Amino acid sequence: MPEPISDSLSYDWAEFRDHSLDSRFPEWAIGYSLWRDFSYRLESLEDFKRFQQEMARERERRRGNGVLPKGITRVFVSHKQENRDEALRVAWIIQNKGHHFWLDVLEPTLQSNSLRPIQVAGIIEMALLNCSHVIVLITDDSVRSRWIPYEYGRAKEPTPYSLNAASWLHPAISQKIPEYLYLGVMTGSEKDIYDWLPPALQPGPPWSGPEPPPLPR
């Protein structure tokens, strides 16, 4: 049975903090039924490969043309936990431009010993399946992250240069910028991020809560 589609929700893990692992995603999420079937059975690399194969079929069925249902634009915000404040600000910018976002910025279970590494990978696969764009936050904390380049590559369009993948570079970064970032749009300011985002066809809800502090300049 197809999952219902949300007209308004950006994903907020906190709404599901008290839910069991198999119910940690909203019912409108693409792959929701697959996650319920596989979440507790992800114990080995072979399990994860089978999950990925089913997810690939689901992507083809629900996102055969590469876009999300109803033309929704949802941006995956990729970051290190040390950069949570910057990630919240980027999510705020995305939503102010009228787009949806996917952000596990305060998700403690992703760092919890209660989850197997394969289950963490499955959670991230679910998030990427439900996003049309990705922006990675590059700082001295994140340059050596193993997850950020993976998330960037999984969400990026297969063309050599992609407009659906972007990075924000911290102005005080002192380390070498990873070469893969040249395959997408590189930004250095809030205006750059606004300019990168396309017009929103199906606007998301307004930001709830206090406005996060501005990005460093």
N, C-alpha and C. Protein backbone atom coordinates (compact mmCIF):
# COMPACT_ATOMS: atom_id res chain seq x y z
N MET A 1 0.85 -1.20 0.00
CA MET A 1 0.00 0.00 0.00
C MET A 1 0.88 1.24 0.00
N PRO A 2 0.62 2.23 -0.87
CA PRO A 2 1.43 3.46 -0.88
C PRO A 2 1.27 4.22 0.43
N GLU A 3 2.37 4.83 0.88
CA GLU A 3 2.32 5.63 2.09
C GLU A 3 1.62 6.96 1.80
N PRO A 4 0.88 7.51 2.78
CA PRO A 4 0.29 8.82 2.58
C PRO A 4 1.37 9.88 2.45
N ILE A 5 1.08 10.95 1.73
CA ILE A 5 2.03 12.02 1.50
C ILE A 5 1.66 13.23 2.34
N SER A 6 2.64 13.80 3.03
CA SER A 6 2.40 14.99 3.83
C SER A 6 2.42 16.23 2.95
N ASP A 7 1.53 17.16 3.21
CA ASP A 7 1.52 18.43 2.50
C ASP A 7 2.35 19.48 3.21
N SER A 8 2.77 19.21 4.46
CA SER A 8 3.32 20.32 5.22
C SER A 8 4.55 19.99 6.06
N LEU A 9 4.80 18.73 6.36
CA LEU A 9 5.79 18.43 7.39
C LEU A 9 7.21 18.40 6.88
N SER A 10 8.10 19.10 7.56
CA SER A 10 9.52 18.83 7.47
C SER A 10 9.83 17.85 8.60
N TYR A 11 10.75 16.94 8.35
CA TYR A 11 10.98 15.88 9.33
C TYR A 11 11.67 16.41 10.57
N ASP A 12 11.11 16.08 11.73
CA ASP A 12 11.68 16.46 13.02
C ASP A 12 11.72 15.19 13.87
N TRP A 13 12.94 14.68 14.10
CA TRP A 13 13.07 13.42 14.83
C TRP A 13 12.43 13.50 16.21
N ALA A 14 12.38 14.70 16.81
CA ALA A 14 11.88 14.83 18.18
C ALA A 14 10.41 14.42 18.29
N GLU A 15 9.67 14.50 17.19
CA GLU A 15 8.28 14.07 17.22
C GLU A 15 8.17 12.55 17.44
N PHE A 16 9.28 11.84 17.20
CA PHE A 16 9.25 10.39 17.26
C PHE A 16 10.21 9.84 18.30
N ARG A 17 10.64 10.70 19.23
CA ARG A 17 11.67 10.27 20.19
C ARG A 17 11.19 9.14 21.09
N ASP A 18 9.90 9.07 21.35
CA ASP A 18 9.37 8.03 22.23
C ASP A 18 8.81 6.84 21.46
N HIS A 19 8.98 6.83 20.15
CA HIS A 19 8.46 5.73 19.34
C HIS A 19 9.48 4.60 19.29
N SER A 20 9.01 3.42 18.98
CA SER A 20 9.91 2.29 18.79
C SER A 20 10.70 2.49 17.50
N LEU A 21 11.78 1.73 17.34
CA LEU A 21 12.66 1.89 16.19
C LEU A 21 11.91 1.75 14.87
N ASP A 22 10.97 0.81 14.78
CA ASP A 22 10.28 0.59 13.51
C ASP A 22 9.27 1.68 13.20
N SER A 23 8.98 2.55 14.18
CA SER A 23 8.01 3.63 13.97
C SER A 23 8.64 5.01 14.08
N ARG A 24 9.95 5.09 13.88
CA ARG A 24 10.65 6.36 14.10
C ARG A 24 10.47 7.34 12.95
N PHE A 25 9.83 6.92 11.85
CA PHE A 25 9.58 7.81 10.72
C PHE A 25 8.09 8.06 10.57
N PRO A 26 7.70 9.21 10.01
CA PRO A 26 6.28 9.47 9.76
C PRO A 26 5.74 8.57 8.66
N GLU A 27 4.45 8.34 8.66
CA GLU A 27 3.85 7.43 7.69
C GLU A 27 3.95 7.96 6.27
N TRP A 28 4.14 9.28 6.11
CA TRP A 28 4.24 9.82 4.75
C TRP A 28 5.61 9.58 4.12
N ALA A 29 6.60 9.16 4.91
CA ALA A 29 7.95 8.99 4.38
C ALA A 29 7.99 7.88 3.33
N ILE A 30 8.66 8.14 2.22
CA ILE A 30 8.88 7.10 1.22
C ILE A 30 9.71 5.98 1.86
N GLY A 31 9.30 4.75 1.66
CA GLY A 31 10.01 3.63 2.25
C GLY A 31 9.57 3.28 3.65
N TYR A 32 8.52 3.93 4.15
CA TYR A 32 8.05 3.70 5.52
C TYR A 32 7.75 2.22 5.77
N SER A 33 7.04 1.59 4.83
CA SER A 33 6.69 0.18 5.01
C SER A 33 7.94 -0.70 5.01
N LEU A 34 8.89 -0.37 4.13
CA LEU A 34 10.14 -1.14 4.09
C LEU A 34 10.90 -1.01 5.40
N TRP A 35 10.94 0.22 5.93
CA TRP A 35 11.64 0.41 7.19
C TRP A 35 11.00 -0.42 8.30
N ARG A 36 9.69 -0.46 8.35
CA ARG A 36 9.01 -1.25 9.38
C ARG A 36 9.37 -2.73 9.23
N ASP A 37 9.54 -3.18 7.99
CA ASP A 37 9.86 -4.59 7.77
C ASP A 37 11.31 -4.91 8.12
N PHE A 38 12.24 -3.96 7.84
CA PHE A 38 13.65 -4.27 7.92
C PHE A 38 14.35 -3.76 9.19
N SER A 39 13.77 -2.79 9.89
CA SER A 39 14.51 -2.07 10.93
C SER A 39 15.15 -2.98 11.96
N TYR A 40 14.43 -3.98 12.45
CA TYR A 40 14.98 -4.86 13.48
C TYR A 40 15.73 -6.05 12.88
N ARG A 41 15.73 -6.14 11.55
CA ARG A 41 16.42 -7.25 10.90
C ARG A 41 17.73 -6.80 10.25
N LEU A 42 18.14 -5.56 10.50
CA LEU A 42 19.40 -5.07 9.96
C LEU A 42 20.52 -5.42 10.93
N GLU A 43 21.13 -6.57 10.71
CA GLU A 43 22.17 -7.03 11.61
C GLU A 43 23.50 -7.27 10.92
N SER A 44 23.49 -7.38 9.62
CA SER A 44 24.72 -7.69 8.89
C SER A 44 24.78 -6.89 7.61
N LEU A 45 25.94 -6.91 6.96
CA LEU A 45 26.10 -6.22 5.69
C LEU A 45 25.17 -6.80 4.64
N GLU A 46 24.96 -8.11 4.68
CA GLU A 46 24.04 -8.73 3.72
C GLU A 46 22.62 -8.23 3.93
N ASP A 47 22.21 -8.08 5.20
CA ASP A 47 20.88 -7.52 5.48
C ASP A 47 20.76 -6.12 4.90
N PHE A 48 21.81 -5.33 5.08
CA PHE A 48 21.78 -3.96 4.59
C PHE A 48 21.73 -3.91 3.07
N LYS A 49 22.46 -4.81 2.41
CA LYS A 49 22.43 -4.85 0.95
C LYS A 49 21.03 -5.19 0.44
N ARG A 50 20.35 -6.11 1.10
CA ARG A 50 18.98 -6.44 0.70
C ARG A 50 18.07 -5.24 0.92
N PHE A 51 18.27 -4.54 2.03
CA PHE A 51 17.49 -3.34 2.31
C PHE A 51 17.73 -2.29 1.23
N GLN A 52 18.98 -2.09 0.84
CA GLN A 52 19.31 -1.12 -0.20
C GLN A 52 18.66 -1.50 -1.53
N GLN A 53 18.64 -2.79 -1.85
CA GLN A 53 18.02 -3.23 -3.10
C GLN A 53 16.53 -2.92 -3.11
N GLU A 54 15.86 -3.19 -1.98
CA GLU A 54 14.44 -2.87 -1.89
C GLU A 54 14.21 -1.36 -1.95
N MET A 55 15.10 -0.61 -1.32
CA MET A 55 14.98 0.85 -1.35
C MET A 55 15.18 1.36 -2.77
N ALA A 56 16.09 0.76 -3.53
CA ALA A 56 16.31 1.18 -4.91
C ALA A 56 15.06 0.96 -5.74
N ARG A 57 14.38 -0.16 -5.51
CA ARG A 57 13.12 -0.42 -6.23
C ARG A 57 12.05 0.59 -5.83
N GLU A 58 12.04 0.92 -4.54
CA GLU A 58 11.07 1.91 -4.07
C GLU A 58 11.35 3.28 -4.67
N ARG A 59 12.64 3.63 -4.77
CA ARG A 59 13.01 4.91 -5.40
C ARG A 59 12.52 4.95 -6.85
N GLU A 60 12.74 3.87 -7.56
CA GLU A 60 12.32 3.82 -8.96
C GLU A 60 10.81 3.94 -9.08
N ARG A 61 10.10 3.29 -8.18
CA ARG A 61 8.63 3.31 -8.22
C ARG A 61 8.07 4.67 -7.85
N ARG A 62 8.61 5.27 -6.81
CA ARG A 62 8.05 6.51 -6.28
C ARG A 62 8.77 7.76 -6.79
N ARG A 63 10.03 7.58 -7.24
CA ARG A 63 10.83 8.73 -7.67
C ARG A 63 11.53 8.44 -8.98
N GLY A 64 10.80 7.80 -9.91
CA GLY A 64 11.40 7.40 -11.17
C GLY A 64 11.97 8.55 -11.97
N ASN A 65 11.38 9.74 -11.84
CA ASN A 65 11.88 10.92 -12.56
C ASN A 65 12.84 11.75 -11.71
N GLY A 66 13.20 11.24 -10.55
CA GLY A 66 14.17 11.92 -9.70
C GLY A 66 13.59 12.92 -8.73
N VAL A 67 12.31 13.26 -8.86
CA VAL A 67 11.72 14.27 -7.99
C VAL A 67 10.85 13.60 -6.93
N LEU A 68 10.55 14.35 -5.88
CA LEU A 68 9.70 13.84 -4.83
C LEU A 68 8.22 13.98 -5.22
N PRO A 69 7.34 13.18 -4.62
CA PRO A 69 5.91 13.31 -4.91
C PRO A 69 5.40 14.73 -4.66
N LYS A 70 4.49 15.16 -5.53
CA LYS A 70 3.86 16.48 -5.45
C LYS A 70 4.84 17.62 -5.67
N GLY A 71 6.02 17.33 -6.20
CA GLY A 71 6.99 18.39 -6.47
C GLY A 71 7.63 19.01 -5.25
N ILE A 72 7.53 18.32 -4.09
CA ILE A 72 8.13 18.85 -2.87
C ILE A 72 9.65 18.84 -2.99
N THR A 73 10.27 19.90 -2.52
CA THR A 73 11.73 19.96 -2.45
C THR A 73 12.13 19.83 -0.99
N ARG A 74 12.89 18.78 -0.67
CA ARG A 74 13.33 18.56 0.71
C ARG A 74 14.85 18.45 0.71
N VAL A 75 15.50 19.24 1.56
CA VAL A 75 16.96 19.33 1.57
C VAL A 75 17.51 18.57 2.77
N PHE A 76 18.42 17.65 2.51
CA PHE A 76 19.12 16.92 3.56
C PHE A 76 20.28 17.79 4.03
N VAL A 77 20.31 18.11 5.32
CA VAL A 77 21.38 18.94 5.89
C VAL A 77 22.38 18.01 6.56
N SER A 78 23.57 17.91 5.98
CA SER A 78 24.60 16.99 6.44
C SER A 78 25.65 17.76 7.24
N HIS A 79 25.99 17.26 8.42
CA HIS A 79 26.85 18.03 9.32
C HIS A 79 27.42 17.13 10.41
N LYS A 80 28.38 17.63 11.12
CA LYS A 80 28.88 16.99 12.33
C LYS A 80 28.10 17.54 13.53
N GLN A 81 27.99 16.71 14.56
CA GLN A 81 27.25 17.16 15.75
C GLN A 81 27.84 18.43 16.35
N GLU A 82 29.16 18.63 16.19
CA GLU A 82 29.79 19.84 16.72
C GLU A 82 29.26 21.11 16.03
N ASN A 83 28.65 20.95 14.89
CA ASN A 83 28.16 22.10 14.11
C ASN A 83 26.64 22.18 14.13
N ARG A 84 26.03 21.74 15.22
CA ARG A 84 24.57 21.73 15.32
C ARG A 84 23.95 23.10 15.15
N ASP A 85 24.59 24.16 15.71
CA ASP A 85 24.02 25.50 15.61
C ASP A 85 24.01 25.98 14.16
N GLU A 86 25.10 25.72 13.44
CA GLU A 86 25.15 26.10 12.03
C GLU A 86 24.12 25.31 11.23
N ALA A 87 23.95 24.02 11.58
CA ALA A 87 22.98 23.18 10.86
C ALA A 87 21.56 23.71 11.06
N LEU A 88 21.24 24.12 12.28
CA LEU A 88 19.92 24.69 12.54
C LEU A 88 19.71 25.96 11.73
N ARG A 89 20.74 26.78 11.62
CA ARG A 89 20.61 28.02 10.85
C ARG A 89 20.38 27.72 9.37
N VAL A 90 21.10 26.74 8.85
CA VAL A 90 20.91 26.37 7.44
C VAL A 90 19.48 25.84 7.23
N ALA A 91 18.99 25.02 8.16
CA ALA A 91 17.61 24.54 8.06
C ALA A 91 16.62 25.70 8.09
N TRP A 92 16.90 26.68 8.91
CA TRP A 92 16.04 27.88 8.99
C TRP A 92 16.04 28.61 7.65
N ILE A 93 17.19 28.75 7.02
CA ILE A 93 17.28 29.40 5.71
C ILE A 93 16.46 28.62 4.68
N ILE A 94 16.61 27.30 4.70
CA ILE A 94 15.88 26.45 3.75
C ILE A 94 14.39 26.64 3.90
N GLN A 95 13.92 26.64 5.15
CA GLN A 95 12.48 26.76 5.36
C GLN A 95 11.99 28.17 5.05
N ASN A 96 12.81 29.17 5.29
CA ASN A 96 12.41 30.53 4.96
C ASN A 96 12.32 30.74 3.45
N LYS A 97 13.06 29.94 2.68
CA LYS A 97 12.96 30.01 1.22
C LYS A 97 11.74 29.24 0.71
N GLY A 98 11.06 28.55 1.62
CA GLY A 98 9.84 27.84 1.26
C GLY A 98 10.00 26.35 1.05
N HIS A 99 11.17 25.79 1.39
CA HIS A 99 11.44 24.38 1.18
C HIS A 99 11.30 23.58 2.47
N HIS A 100 11.23 22.27 2.31
CA HIS A 100 11.26 21.35 3.43
C HIS A 100 12.71 20.95 3.70
N PHE A 101 12.97 20.42 4.89
CA PHE A 101 14.31 19.96 5.20
C PHE A 101 14.23 18.67 6.01
N TRP A 102 15.36 17.97 6.07
CA TRP A 102 15.48 16.74 6.86
C TRP A 102 16.71 16.90 7.72
N LEU A 103 16.52 16.93 9.02
CA LEU A 103 17.63 17.25 9.92
C LEU A 103 17.50 16.46 11.21
N ASP A 104 18.47 15.61 11.47
CA ASP A 104 18.54 14.86 12.72
C ASP A 104 19.52 15.52 13.68
N VAL A 105 19.52 16.85 13.72
CA VAL A 105 20.59 17.59 14.38
C VAL A 105 20.75 17.26 15.86
N LEU A 106 19.67 16.96 16.53
CA LEU A 106 19.76 16.65 17.96
C LEU A 106 19.44 15.19 18.24
N GLU A 107 19.60 14.33 17.25
CA GLU A 107 19.19 12.93 17.35
C GLU A 107 20.17 12.13 18.20
N PRO A 108 19.86 11.88 19.47
CA PRO A 108 20.81 11.14 20.32
C PRO A 108 20.94 9.68 19.94
N THR A 109 19.88 9.08 19.37
CA THR A 109 19.95 7.65 19.08
C THR A 109 20.97 7.32 18.00
N LEU A 110 21.31 8.31 17.15
CA LEU A 110 22.31 8.04 16.13
C LEU A 110 23.70 7.88 16.74
N GLN A 111 23.90 8.38 17.95
CA GLN A 111 25.17 8.19 18.66
C GLN A 111 25.05 7.15 19.77
N SER A 112 23.90 6.55 19.87
CA SER A 112 23.64 5.63 20.98
C SER A 112 24.22 4.25 20.70
N ASN A 113 24.68 3.59 21.77
CA ASN A 113 25.17 2.22 21.65
C ASN A 113 24.04 1.23 21.46
N SER A 114 22.79 1.71 21.56
CA SER A 114 21.65 0.80 21.43
C SER A 114 21.38 0.44 19.97
N LEU A 115 21.95 1.19 19.04
CA LEU A 115 21.75 0.91 17.62
C LEU A 115 22.98 0.23 17.02
N ARG A 116 22.74 -0.73 16.18
CA ARG A 116 23.83 -1.33 15.41
C ARG A 116 24.26 -0.35 14.32
N PRO A 117 25.53 -0.36 13.94
CA PRO A 117 25.98 0.52 12.84
C PRO A 117 25.14 0.34 11.58
N ILE A 118 24.70 -0.88 11.28
CA ILE A 118 23.89 -1.13 10.09
C ILE A 118 22.54 -0.43 10.22
N GLN A 119 21.98 -0.37 11.44
CA GLN A 119 20.71 0.32 11.64
C GLN A 119 20.88 1.83 11.44
N VAL A 120 22.00 2.38 11.91
CA VAL A 120 22.29 3.80 11.69
C VAL A 120 22.35 4.07 10.19
N ALA A 121 23.03 3.19 9.45
CA ALA A 121 23.12 3.35 8.00
C ALA A 121 21.73 3.31 7.37
N GLY A 122 20.87 2.43 7.87
CA GLY A 122 19.51 2.34 7.35
C GLY A 122 18.72 3.61 7.59
N ILE A 123 18.90 4.21 8.78
CA ILE A 123 18.22 5.47 9.09
C ILE A 123 18.64 6.55 8.10
N ILE A 124 19.92 6.62 7.81
CA ILE A 124 20.42 7.64 6.89
C ILE A 124 19.93 7.37 5.47
N GLU A 125 19.84 6.08 5.08
CA GLU A 125 19.31 5.75 3.76
C GLU A 125 17.86 6.21 3.63
N MET A 126 17.08 6.04 4.67
CA MET A 126 15.69 6.51 4.65
C MET A 126 15.63 8.02 4.45
N ALA A 127 16.49 8.73 5.16
CA ALA A 127 16.51 10.19 5.04
C ALA A 127 16.87 10.60 3.62
N LEU A 128 17.88 10.00 3.05
CA LEU A 128 18.33 10.37 1.71
C LEU A 128 17.27 10.05 0.66
N LEU A 129 16.54 8.95 0.83
CA LEU A 129 15.49 8.59 -0.10
C LEU A 129 14.40 9.66 -0.13
N ASN A 130 14.22 10.36 0.98
CA ASN A 130 13.14 11.34 1.10
C ASN A 130 13.60 12.77 0.83
N CYS A 131 14.79 12.93 0.28
CA CYS A 131 15.30 14.27 0.00
C CYS A 131 15.66 14.42 -1.47
N SER A 132 15.41 15.62 -2.00
CA SER A 132 15.74 15.92 -3.40
C SER A 132 17.05 16.67 -3.52
N HIS A 133 17.52 17.29 -2.45
CA HIS A 133 18.74 18.09 -2.45
C HIS A 133 19.56 17.76 -1.20
N VAL A 134 20.81 18.13 -1.23
CA VAL A 134 21.68 17.96 -0.06
C VAL A 134 22.58 19.18 0.05
N ILE A 135 22.83 19.61 1.29
CA ILE A 135 23.86 20.61 1.56
C ILE A 135 24.71 20.11 2.71
N VAL A 136 26.01 20.13 2.55
CA VAL A 136 26.93 19.66 3.58
C VAL A 136 27.63 20.86 4.21
N LEU A 137 27.81 20.81 5.52
CA LEU A 137 28.48 21.89 6.25
C LEU A 137 29.93 21.49 6.46
N ILE A 138 30.84 22.27 5.90
CA ILE A 138 32.26 21.94 5.93
C ILE A 138 32.98 22.89 6.89
N THR A 139 33.50 22.32 7.96
CA THR A 139 34.26 23.05 8.96
C THR A 139 35.50 22.23 9.30
N ASP A 140 36.33 22.75 10.18
CA ASP A 140 37.49 21.97 10.62
C ASP A 140 37.05 20.70 11.35
N ASP A 141 35.84 20.72 11.93
CA ASP A 141 35.33 19.53 12.61
C ASP A 141 34.86 18.46 11.62
N SER A 142 34.40 18.89 10.45
CA SER A 142 33.72 17.97 9.55
C SER A 142 34.57 17.47 8.39
N VAL A 143 35.73 18.09 8.14
CA VAL A 143 36.51 17.76 6.96
C VAL A 143 36.82 16.27 6.87
N ARG A 144 37.07 15.62 7.99
CA ARG A 144 37.44 14.21 7.99
C ARG A 144 36.26 13.28 8.29
N SER A 145 35.05 13.82 8.24
CA SER A 145 33.87 13.00 8.49
C SER A 145 33.74 11.92 7.42
N ARG A 146 33.36 10.71 7.83
CA ARG A 146 33.11 9.64 6.88
C ARG A 146 31.69 9.69 6.33
N TRP A 147 30.75 10.21 7.13
CA TRP A 147 29.36 10.23 6.70
C TRP A 147 29.07 11.36 5.72
N ILE A 148 29.67 12.51 5.89
CA ILE A 148 29.33 13.66 5.05
C ILE A 148 29.58 13.38 3.57
N PRO A 149 30.76 12.88 3.16
CA PRO A 149 30.93 12.59 1.74
C PRO A 149 30.00 11.49 1.24
N TYR A 150 29.67 10.53 2.09
CA TYR A 150 28.73 9.48 1.70
C TYR A 150 27.36 10.09 1.42
N GLU A 151 26.88 10.94 2.34
CA GLU A 151 25.56 11.54 2.18
C GLU A 151 25.53 12.45 0.96
N TYR A 152 26.60 13.18 0.74
CA TYR A 152 26.69 14.06 -0.43
C TYR A 152 26.60 13.23 -1.71
N GLY A 153 27.36 12.15 -1.77
CA GLY A 153 27.38 11.33 -2.97
C GLY A 153 26.09 10.60 -3.22
N ARG A 154 25.40 10.16 -2.17
CA ARG A 154 24.14 9.42 -2.33
C ARG A 154 23.02 10.33 -2.82
N ALA A 155 23.03 11.60 -2.41
CA ALA A 155 21.95 12.51 -2.79
C ALA A 155 22.24 13.24 -4.11
N LYS A 156 23.52 13.38 -4.44
CA LYS A 156 23.91 14.13 -5.64
C LYS A 156 23.39 13.45 -6.91
N GLU A 157 22.96 14.27 -7.88
CA GLU A 157 22.59 13.74 -9.19
C GLU A 157 23.82 13.11 -9.84
N PRO A 158 23.63 12.12 -10.73
CA PRO A 158 24.78 11.42 -11.31
C PRO A 158 25.56 12.20 -12.35
N THR A 159 25.13 13.41 -12.70
CA THR A 159 25.89 14.22 -13.64
C THR A 159 27.20 14.66 -13.01
N PRO A 160 28.25 14.95 -13.82
CA PRO A 160 29.53 15.37 -13.22
C PRO A 160 29.39 16.58 -12.32
N TYR A 161 28.60 17.56 -12.74
CA TYR A 161 28.35 18.74 -11.90
C TYR A 161 26.86 18.80 -11.61
N SER A 162 26.52 18.96 -10.36
CA SER A 162 25.12 18.88 -9.95
C SER A 162 24.67 20.14 -9.22
N LEU A 163 23.48 20.60 -9.57
CA LEU A 163 22.90 21.75 -8.89
C LEU A 163 22.07 21.36 -7.67
N ASN A 164 21.83 20.06 -7.49
CA ASN A 164 21.03 19.67 -6.32
C ASN A 164 21.91 19.36 -5.11
N ALA A 165 23.23 19.49 -5.27
CA ALA A 165 24.18 19.25 -4.17
C ALA A 165 24.98 20.51 -3.92
N ALA A 166 25.11 20.89 -2.66
CA ALA A 166 25.83 22.12 -2.31
C ALA A 166 26.60 21.92 -1.02
N SER A 167 27.51 22.83 -0.77
CA SER A 167 28.26 22.84 0.48
C SER A 167 28.29 24.27 1.02
N TRP A 168 28.38 24.37 2.34
CA TRP A 168 28.65 25.66 2.98
C TRP A 168 30.00 25.54 3.65
N LEU A 169 30.91 26.45 3.30
CA LEU A 169 32.27 26.43 3.82
C LEU A 169 32.41 27.45 4.94
N HIS A 170 32.80 27.00 6.10
CA HIS A 170 33.01 27.91 7.24
C HIS A 170 34.12 28.90 6.87
N PRO A 171 33.92 30.19 7.16
CA PRO A 171 34.92 31.20 6.74
C PRO A 171 36.28 31.03 7.41
N ALA A 172 36.31 30.33 8.56
CA ALA A 172 37.58 30.17 9.28
C ALA A 172 38.19 28.79 9.07
N ILE A 173 37.73 28.05 8.08
CA ILE A 173 38.27 26.71 7.87
C ILE A 173 39.75 26.81 7.52
N SER A 174 40.55 25.95 8.14
CA SER A 174 42.00 26.01 7.95
C SER A 174 42.54 24.78 7.22
N GLN A 175 41.68 23.80 6.95
CA GLN A 175 42.13 22.58 6.30
C GLN A 175 41.78 22.58 4.82
N LYS A 176 42.39 21.69 4.09
CA LYS A 176 42.16 21.59 2.66
C LYS A 176 40.72 21.20 2.37
N ILE A 177 40.10 21.87 1.40
CA ILE A 177 38.72 21.58 1.04
C ILE A 177 38.67 20.28 0.25
N PRO A 178 37.80 19.34 0.61
CA PRO A 178 37.71 18.07 -0.14
C PRO A 178 37.38 18.31 -1.61
N GLU A 179 38.05 17.57 -2.49
CA GLU A 179 37.90 17.77 -3.93
C GLU A 179 36.48 17.50 -4.41
N TYR A 180 35.75 16.57 -3.76
CA TYR A 180 34.42 16.23 -4.26
C TYR A 180 33.45 17.40 -4.22
N LEU A 181 33.75 18.40 -3.40
CA LEU A 181 32.85 19.55 -3.30
C LEU A 181 32.79 20.35 -4.59
N TYR A 182 33.80 20.23 -5.43
CA TYR A 182 33.80 20.94 -6.70
C TYR A 182 32.80 20.34 -7.69
N LEU A 183 32.18 19.21 -7.34
CA LEU A 183 31.16 18.60 -8.19
C LEU A 183 29.78 19.21 -7.97
N GLY A 184 29.68 20.12 -7.02
CA GLY A 184 28.41 20.78 -6.73
C GLY A 184 28.64 22.25 -6.46
N VAL A 185 27.61 22.91 -5.96
CA VAL A 185 27.64 24.35 -5.69
C VAL A 185 28.31 24.59 -4.34
N MET A 186 29.30 25.45 -4.30
CA MET A 186 29.96 25.80 -3.04
C MET A 186 29.48 27.18 -2.60
N THR A 187 29.06 27.30 -1.35
CA THR A 187 28.58 28.57 -0.81
C THR A 187 29.42 28.97 0.39
N GLY A 188 29.41 30.27 0.68
CA GLY A 188 30.16 30.76 1.82
C GLY A 188 29.40 31.74 2.66
N SER A 189 28.14 31.99 2.30
CA SER A 189 27.33 32.97 3.04
C SER A 189 25.87 32.55 3.01
N GLU A 190 25.08 33.19 3.85
CA GLU A 190 23.65 32.91 3.85
C GLU A 190 23.02 33.30 2.51
N LYS A 191 23.45 34.40 1.94
CA LYS A 191 22.93 34.82 0.63
C LYS A 191 23.23 33.78 -0.43
N ASP A 192 24.43 33.21 -0.38
CA ASP A 192 24.79 32.16 -1.34
C ASP A 192 23.83 30.98 -1.23
N ILE A 193 23.46 30.60 0.00
CA ILE A 193 22.55 29.47 0.18
C ILE A 193 21.17 29.81 -0.37
N TYR A 194 20.68 31.02 -0.06
CA TYR A 194 19.40 31.46 -0.61
C TYR A 194 19.42 31.41 -2.14
N ASP A 195 20.52 31.88 -2.73
CA ASP A 195 20.62 31.92 -4.19
C ASP A 195 20.70 30.52 -4.78
N TRP A 196 21.31 29.57 -4.05
CA TRP A 196 21.40 28.20 -4.55
C TRP A 196 20.05 27.52 -4.59
N LEU A 197 19.21 27.76 -3.62
CA LEU A 197 17.92 27.08 -3.53
C LEU A 197 17.00 27.53 -4.66
N PRO A 198 16.35 26.59 -5.34
CA PRO A 198 15.42 26.97 -6.42
C PRO A 198 14.12 27.51 -5.84
N PRO A 199 13.27 28.11 -6.66
CA PRO A 199 11.94 28.51 -6.18
C PRO A 199 11.17 27.29 -5.66
N ALA A 200 10.43 27.48 -4.59
CA ALA A 200 9.68 26.38 -3.99
C ALA A 200 8.34 26.22 -4.69
N LEU A 201 8.06 25.02 -5.19
CA LEU A 201 6.79 24.75 -5.87
C LEU A 201 5.69 24.39 -4.88
N GLN A 202 6.07 23.70 -3.80
CA GLN A 202 5.13 23.31 -2.75
C GLN A 202 5.69 23.79 -1.41
N PRO A 203 5.42 25.06 -1.05
CA PRO A 203 6.06 25.64 0.15
C PRO A 203 5.81 24.82 1.40
N GLY A 204 6.86 24.73 2.22
CA GLY A 204 6.75 24.05 3.50
C GLY A 204 6.17 24.97 4.56
N PRO A 205 6.03 24.47 5.78
CA PRO A 205 5.46 25.27 6.87
C PRO A 205 6.45 26.33 7.34
N PRO A 206 5.97 27.36 8.04
CA PRO A 206 6.89 28.35 8.59
C PRO A 206 7.72 27.74 9.71
N TRP A 207 8.86 28.35 9.99
CA TRP A 207 9.75 27.88 11.06
C TRP A 207 9.06 28.01 12.40
N SER A 208 9.16 26.99 13.23
CA SER A 208 8.59 27.04 14.57
C SER A 208 9.73 27.12 15.58
N GLY A 209 9.58 27.94 16.58
CA GLY A 209 10.63 28.10 17.58
C GLY A 209 11.48 29.33 17.30
N PRO A 210 12.48 29.57 18.15
CA PRO A 210 13.32 30.76 18.00
C PRO A 210 14.20 30.69 16.76
N GLU A 211 14.53 31.86 16.23
CA GLU A 211 15.41 31.92 15.08
C GLU A 211 16.83 31.59 15.50
N PRO A 212 17.49 30.64 14.84
CA PRO A 212 18.89 30.30 15.20
C PRO A 212 19.83 31.46 14.90
N PRO A 213 20.97 31.55 15.60
CA PRO A 213 21.91 32.64 15.35
C PRO A 213 22.48 32.57 13.95
N PRO A 214 22.86 33.70 13.36
CA PRO A 214 23.39 33.73 11.99
C PRO A 214 24.64 32.89 11.84
N LEU A 215 24.91 32.49 10.60
CA LEU A 215 26.14 31.77 10.30
C LEU A 215 27.34 32.69 10.48
N PRO A 216 28.48 32.14 10.85
CA PRO A 216 29.71 32.97 10.97
C PRO A 216 30.04 33.61 9.63
N ARG A 217 30.60 34.82 9.70
CA ARG A 217 30.99 35.54 8.47
C ARG A 217 32.45 35.95 8.59
